[in-house]
Amino acid sequence: MTTTFGSDEPSSITDVRQNSDVAQNESFLVTLRVQRYVPEFHKAPYWDSWTIEMSGTDRVLDALHRIKWELDGSLTFRRSCAHGICGSDAMRINGFNRLACKVLLKDLDISKPIIVEPLKALPVEKDLIVDMEPFFQSYHEIMPFLINNHRDPTRERYQSPEDRQRYDDTTKCILCAACTASCPVFWTDGQYFGPAAIVNAHRFIFDSRDDAGDLRLEVLNDQEGVWRCRTIFNCTNACPRGIQVTKAIAEVKNAILRHAV
C-alpha cells in the first residue's frame, strides 16, 4: 500500500472505455487512488493508494470493499444494496459522478490509477461520505408526496396509461445526488434547489392525481429555483437511472410560464 499525505493533486479525468482484453474470469491488478479526509486528525484531504488483484466481473464497490475488509478498515464510504437501487454509493470515479456498484473495473482504463473522490459541493464528513442534509433540505421543500384535496376514495385513484406516461421518467429517481453534485450552478451556489429536487417536483406536478402542482411551481419560480439552470446537461449525463433530467427541468420551466399567463 502506498500512502501520500497532504497532497493537493487534482483529479485526473480518465475516459471510460472497454478493456476488451480483460475476460470476465481473468484476474488483473488495479490501483485505486482515493481522496481521504479524517477531520479528527487532518485539517485537509489527503490521498491513499492501494494496488489490489481483482477480476473482470468486479466493480469499483468490490474494490473498495476489498480494501476496507483486507487492507485498511478505516476507509469510510456509504453503500447498501450494491445493485444500483439505493443510490447510497454515489461518488466521483475518474472525475465523473457514478454509483460505485455500477462501474465495472474492466470498463475503466486500469493501466492508470482509478481516482475515487467524494461528491463535489457537498460537505465532506469523512473520506467518501458527504453530508446529504443540504441535498435533502431542497428535496423536502418541493413537497415530494401526493397531495389530493378531495375526499379519500374507497379504492385506488385511477389513472390512464397516458397520464402515467407523462411523468414516468421522473419516478425513477433514487436520490443519489449524482445529478445535483454534477451541476456547476450548485457548485458555486449551494442555495440552488438542484436537479434532483426539480426532478422530484416534476414527478408530482404532472401527476393527474395531485392537486398541489401550482404550489410546487411557486416554490420553484424562485431566484434559486429552475431559472438557475443553464442547460449544461451534466445532470442528465450523471444520472445512473437514465432520467432525462434537463428535459424535466425545461418542462417545469414551461409549466411555470403557462401558469403565469
Protein backbone atom coordinates (compact mmCIF):
# COMPACT_ATOMS: atom_id res chain seq x y z
CA MET A 1 0.00 0.00 0.00
CA THR A 2 1.25 3.45 -0.88
CA THR A 3 0.08 6.36 1.24
CA THR A 4 0.66 10.01 0.43
CA PHE A 5 -0.30 12.61 3.00
CA GLY A 6 -1.07 16.25 2.35
CA SER A 7 -1.25 16.01 -1.43
CA ASP A 8 -3.40 18.56 -3.24
CA GLU A 9 -3.11 16.79 -6.56
CA PRO A 10 -6.20 17.42 -8.69
CA SER A 11 -8.28 14.61 -10.12
CA SER A 12 -7.29 13.25 -13.49
CA ILE A 13 -10.33 12.55 -15.63
CA THR A 14 -9.92 9.28 -17.47
CA ASP A 15 -12.36 8.41 -20.21
CA VAL A 16 -14.43 5.33 -19.52
CA ARG A 17 -13.51 2.71 -22.08
CA GLN A 18 -13.95 -1.02 -22.64
CA ASN A 19 -10.90 -3.19 -21.90
CA SER A 20 -11.74 -5.88 -24.42
CA ASP A 21 -8.60 -7.81 -23.45
CA VAL A 22 -9.90 -8.47 -19.92
CA ALA A 23 -12.08 -11.58 -19.73
CA GLN A 24 -14.77 -11.90 -17.09
CA ASN A 25 -12.86 -14.58 -15.18
CA GLU A 26 -9.41 -13.09 -15.70
CA SER A 27 -7.58 -11.55 -12.75
CA PHE A 28 -5.70 -8.28 -13.03
CA LEU A 29 -4.02 -5.71 -10.83
CA VAL A 30 -5.71 -2.36 -10.38
CA THR A 31 -4.66 0.69 -8.38
CA LEU A 32 -7.24 2.81 -6.58
CA ARG A 33 -6.19 6.30 -5.56
CA VAL A 34 -8.73 7.52 -3.01
CA GLN A 35 -9.16 11.00 -1.59
CA ARG A 36 -9.42 10.73 2.16
CA TYR A 37 -10.38 13.10 4.94
CA VAL A 38 -10.39 12.40 8.67
CA PRO A 39 -11.30 15.67 10.40
CA GLU A 40 -10.22 14.42 13.83
CA PHE A 41 -6.62 14.03 12.62
CA HIS A 42 -6.14 16.08 9.45
CA LYS A 43 -7.09 19.61 8.51
CA ALA A 44 -7.09 18.92 4.79
CA PRO A 45 -7.82 15.98 2.49
CA TYR A 46 -5.00 13.64 1.53
CA TRP A 47 -4.56 10.69 -0.82
CA ASP A 48 -4.12 6.96 -0.25
CA SER A 49 -3.33 4.40 -2.94
CA TRP A 50 -3.79 0.64 -2.97
CA THR A 51 -2.92 -1.91 -5.65
CA ILE A 52 -5.12 -5.00 -5.46
CA GLU A 53 -5.96 -8.06 -7.53
CA MET A 54 -9.48 -8.08 -8.95
CA SER A 55 -11.39 -9.93 -11.68
CA GLY A 56 -13.38 -8.99 -14.76
CA THR A 57 -16.76 -9.11 -13.02
CA ASP A 58 -15.71 -6.84 -10.15
CA ARG A 59 -16.93 -3.29 -9.79
CA VAL A 60 -15.44 -0.26 -8.07
CA LEU A 61 -17.51 -1.03 -4.98
CA ASP A 62 -15.99 -4.52 -4.83
CA ALA A 63 -12.52 -2.97 -4.87
CA LEU A 64 -13.45 -0.56 -2.07
CA HIS A 65 -14.85 -3.48 -0.07
CA ARG A 66 -11.65 -5.46 -0.51
CA ILE A 67 -9.55 -2.52 0.63
CA LYS A 68 -11.74 -1.94 3.68
CA TRP A 69 -12.06 -5.60 4.67
CA GLU A 70 -8.50 -6.73 3.95
CA LEU A 71 -6.15 -3.73 3.93
CA ASP A 72 -7.50 -0.67 5.75
CA GLY A 73 -10.62 -0.91 7.87
CA SER A 74 -10.63 2.85 8.43
CA LEU A 75 -11.64 3.59 4.82
CA THR A 76 -15.16 5.00 5.03
CA PHE A 77 -17.90 5.14 2.41
CA ARG A 78 -21.64 4.60 2.10
CA ARG A 79 -23.17 1.55 0.46
CA SER A 80 -26.20 -0.64 0.91
CA CYS A 81 -27.91 -2.67 -1.83
CA ALA A 82 -24.91 -2.89 -4.22
CA HIS A 83 -27.35 -3.19 -7.15
CA GLY A 84 -27.89 0.42 -8.26
CA ILE A 85 -31.20 0.84 -6.44
CA CYS A 86 -30.44 2.54 -3.11
CA GLY A 87 -28.20 5.29 -4.52
CA SER A 88 -26.06 5.44 -1.39
CA ASP A 89 -22.68 4.79 -3.05
CA ALA A 90 -22.59 7.78 -5.42
CA MET A 91 -19.07 9.18 -5.72
CA ARG A 92 -16.67 10.66 -8.26
CA ILE A 93 -14.86 8.00 -10.25
CA ASN A 94 -12.20 9.34 -12.61
CA GLY A 95 -13.89 12.73 -12.44
CA PHE A 96 -17.42 11.54 -13.19
CA ASN A 97 -20.29 11.09 -10.74
CA ARG A 98 -21.18 7.40 -10.72
CA LEU A 99 -22.56 4.68 -8.49
CA ALA A 100 -19.57 2.58 -7.39
CA CYS A 101 -21.70 -0.58 -7.60
CA LYS A 102 -22.48 0.03 -11.28
CA VAL A 103 -18.99 0.71 -12.66
CA LEU A 104 -17.08 -2.37 -13.82
CA LEU A 105 -13.35 -2.05 -13.22
CA LYS A 106 -12.62 -3.54 -16.65
CA ASP A 107 -14.61 -0.72 -18.27
CA LEU A 108 -12.08 1.78 -16.91
CA ASP A 109 -8.51 2.37 -18.04
CA ILE A 110 -6.87 0.07 -15.49
CA SER A 111 -3.39 0.90 -16.81
CA LYS A 112 -3.70 4.07 -14.73
CA PRO A 113 -4.79 4.58 -11.11
CA ILE A 114 -8.55 4.88 -10.72
CA ILE A 115 -9.27 8.17 -8.96
CA VAL A 116 -12.06 7.97 -6.38
CA GLU A 117 -13.35 11.08 -4.62
CA PRO A 118 -16.42 12.20 -2.67
CA LEU A 119 -19.21 14.04 -4.48
CA LYS A 120 -18.40 17.65 -5.18
CA ALA A 121 -20.05 20.67 -3.47
CA LEU A 122 -21.48 18.73 -0.52
CA PRO A 123 -19.62 18.97 2.82
CA VAL A 124 -17.29 16.01 3.34
CA GLU A 125 -17.79 14.30 6.70
CA LYS A 126 -15.15 11.58 6.32
CA ASP A 127 -13.36 10.05 3.34
CA LEU A 128 -16.04 9.40 0.67
CA ILE A 129 -19.02 10.27 2.89
CA VAL A 130 -20.66 13.65 2.30
CA ASP A 131 -23.30 15.45 4.33
CA MET A 132 -26.56 14.90 2.43
CA GLU A 133 -28.59 17.26 4.61
CA PRO A 134 -28.40 20.27 2.20
CA PHE A 135 -29.49 17.96 -0.61
CA PHE A 136 -32.48 16.58 1.30
CA GLN A 137 -33.49 20.03 2.53
CA SER A 138 -34.19 21.08 -1.06
CA TYR A 139 -35.94 17.77 -1.66
CA HIS A 140 -38.30 18.31 1.28
CA GLU A 141 -39.13 21.87 0.19
CA ILE A 142 -40.76 20.72 -3.04
CA MET A 143 -43.26 18.54 -1.11
CA PRO A 144 -42.34 15.14 -2.59
CA PHE A 145 -45.60 13.40 -1.81
CA LEU A 146 -49.10 13.15 -3.25
CA ILE A 147 -51.43 15.96 -2.19
CA ASN A 148 -55.08 15.43 -3.04
CA ASN A 149 -57.74 17.75 -1.65
CA HIS A 150 -60.69 15.53 -2.49
CA ARG A 151 -62.36 13.07 -0.17
CA ASP A 152 -60.43 9.86 0.25
CA PRO A 153 -61.66 7.35 -2.32
CA THR A 154 -62.98 3.94 -1.39
CA ARG A 155 -60.49 2.38 -3.79
CA GLU A 156 -57.34 3.41 -5.64
CA ARG A 157 -57.34 6.59 -7.72
CA TYR A 158 -57.50 5.55 -11.35
CA GLN A 159 -55.01 6.91 -13.85
CA SER A 160 -54.79 6.25 -17.56
CA PRO A 161 -51.59 4.83 -19.07
CA GLU A 162 -51.20 8.13 -20.94
CA ASP A 163 -51.41 10.17 -17.72
CA ARG A 164 -48.90 7.88 -16.06
CA GLN A 165 -46.54 8.13 -19.01
CA ARG A 166 -46.47 11.91 -18.59
CA TYR A 167 -44.22 11.67 -15.54
CA ASP A 168 -42.99 8.08 -15.69
CA ASP A 169 -39.36 9.02 -16.33
CA THR A 170 -39.01 11.11 -13.18
CA THR A 171 -40.35 8.34 -10.92
CA LYS A 172 -37.02 6.56 -11.39
CA CYS A 173 -35.04 8.93 -9.13
CA ILE A 174 -33.17 7.15 -6.32
CA LEU A 175 -31.93 10.34 -4.58
CA CYS A 176 -28.25 9.50 -5.06
CA ALA A 177 -27.35 13.21 -5.60
CA ALA A 178 -25.15 12.38 -8.60
CA CYS A 179 -27.03 14.89 -10.77
CA THR A 180 -27.09 17.71 -8.23
CA ALA A 181 -23.41 17.28 -7.37
CA SER A 182 -22.52 17.43 -11.09
CA CYS A 183 -24.17 20.83 -11.57
CA PRO A 184 -21.78 23.82 -11.89
CA VAL A 185 -24.51 26.15 -10.60
CA PHE A 186 -24.80 24.05 -7.44
CA TRP A 187 -21.01 24.07 -7.10
CA THR A 188 -20.96 27.86 -6.93
CA ASP A 189 -24.29 28.39 -5.16
CA GLY A 190 -25.33 25.81 -2.61
CA GLN A 191 -28.73 27.53 -2.27
CA TYR A 192 -29.84 26.34 -5.72
CA PHE A 193 -32.54 23.69 -5.42
CA GLY A 194 -30.61 21.45 -7.75
CA PRO A 195 -31.67 18.97 -10.44
CA ALA A 196 -32.81 16.16 -8.12
CA ALA A 197 -35.29 18.35 -6.25
CA ILE A 198 -36.72 19.66 -9.52
CA VAL A 199 -36.99 16.14 -10.94
CA ASN A 200 -38.99 15.04 -7.90
CA ALA A 201 -41.19 18.12 -8.16
CA HIS A 202 -41.80 17.23 -11.81
CA ARG A 203 -42.95 13.77 -10.76
CA PHE A 204 -45.88 15.30 -8.79
CA ILE A 205 -46.52 18.46 -10.84
CA PHE A 206 -47.50 16.30 -13.82
CA ASP A 207 -49.30 13.60 -11.82
CA SER A 208 -53.01 13.84 -12.73
CA ARG A 209 -53.99 12.69 -9.23
CA ASP A 210 -52.14 15.52 -7.46
CA ASP A 211 -53.70 18.89 -6.58
CA ALA A 212 -50.61 20.81 -5.43
CA GLY A 213 -48.82 21.39 -8.71
CA ASP A 214 -49.38 25.15 -8.51
CA LEU A 215 -47.77 25.25 -5.06
CA ARG A 216 -44.68 23.46 -6.31
CA LEU A 217 -44.43 25.75 -9.32
CA GLU A 218 -44.48 28.74 -6.97
CA VAL A 219 -41.70 27.21 -4.89
CA LEU A 220 -39.55 26.61 -7.96
CA ASN A 221 -40.32 30.00 -9.52
CA ASP A 222 -37.71 31.47 -7.22
CA GLN A 223 -34.29 33.02 -7.71
CA GLU A 224 -32.79 29.73 -6.51
CA GLY A 225 -35.29 27.62 -8.47
CA VAL A 226 -35.47 26.36 -12.04
CA TRP A 227 -34.25 29.60 -13.59
CA ARG A 228 -30.73 28.99 -12.29
CA CYS A 229 -30.44 26.00 -14.63
CA ARG A 230 -28.08 26.74 -17.55
CA THR A 231 -28.99 23.62 -19.57
CA ILE A 232 -25.48 22.17 -19.40
CA PHE A 233 -26.72 18.54 -19.37
CA ASN A 234 -24.19 17.44 -16.71
CA CYS A 235 -27.13 16.22 -14.64
CA THR A 236 -28.54 14.10 -17.43
CA ASN A 237 -25.15 12.56 -18.13
CA ALA A 238 -24.60 11.80 -14.44
CA CYS A 239 -27.94 10.12 -13.73
CA PRO A 240 -27.40 6.38 -13.15
CA ARG A 241 -31.08 5.72 -13.88
CA GLY A 242 -31.03 7.36 -17.30
CA ILE A 243 -33.55 10.08 -16.38
CA GLN A 244 -33.78 12.94 -18.89
CA VAL A 245 -33.11 15.46 -16.13
CA THR A 246 -32.53 18.53 -18.28
CA LYS A 247 -35.73 17.82 -20.22
CA ALA A 248 -37.69 17.55 -16.96
CA ILE A 249 -36.32 20.90 -15.78
CA ALA A 250 -37.30 22.51 -19.10
CA GLU A 251 -40.83 21.11 -18.76
CA VAL A 252 -41.14 22.61 -15.28
CA LYS A 253 -39.97 25.98 -16.67
CA ASN A 254 -42.64 25.80 -19.38
CA ALA A 255 -45.29 24.90 -16.80
CA ILE A 256 -44.35 27.97 -14.74
CA LEU A 257 -44.70 30.20 -17.80
CA ARG A 258 -48.08 28.71 -18.69
CA HIS A 259 -49.22 29.08 -15.08
CA ALA A 260 -48.28 32.77 -15.13
CA VAL A 261 -50.39 33.55 -18.21
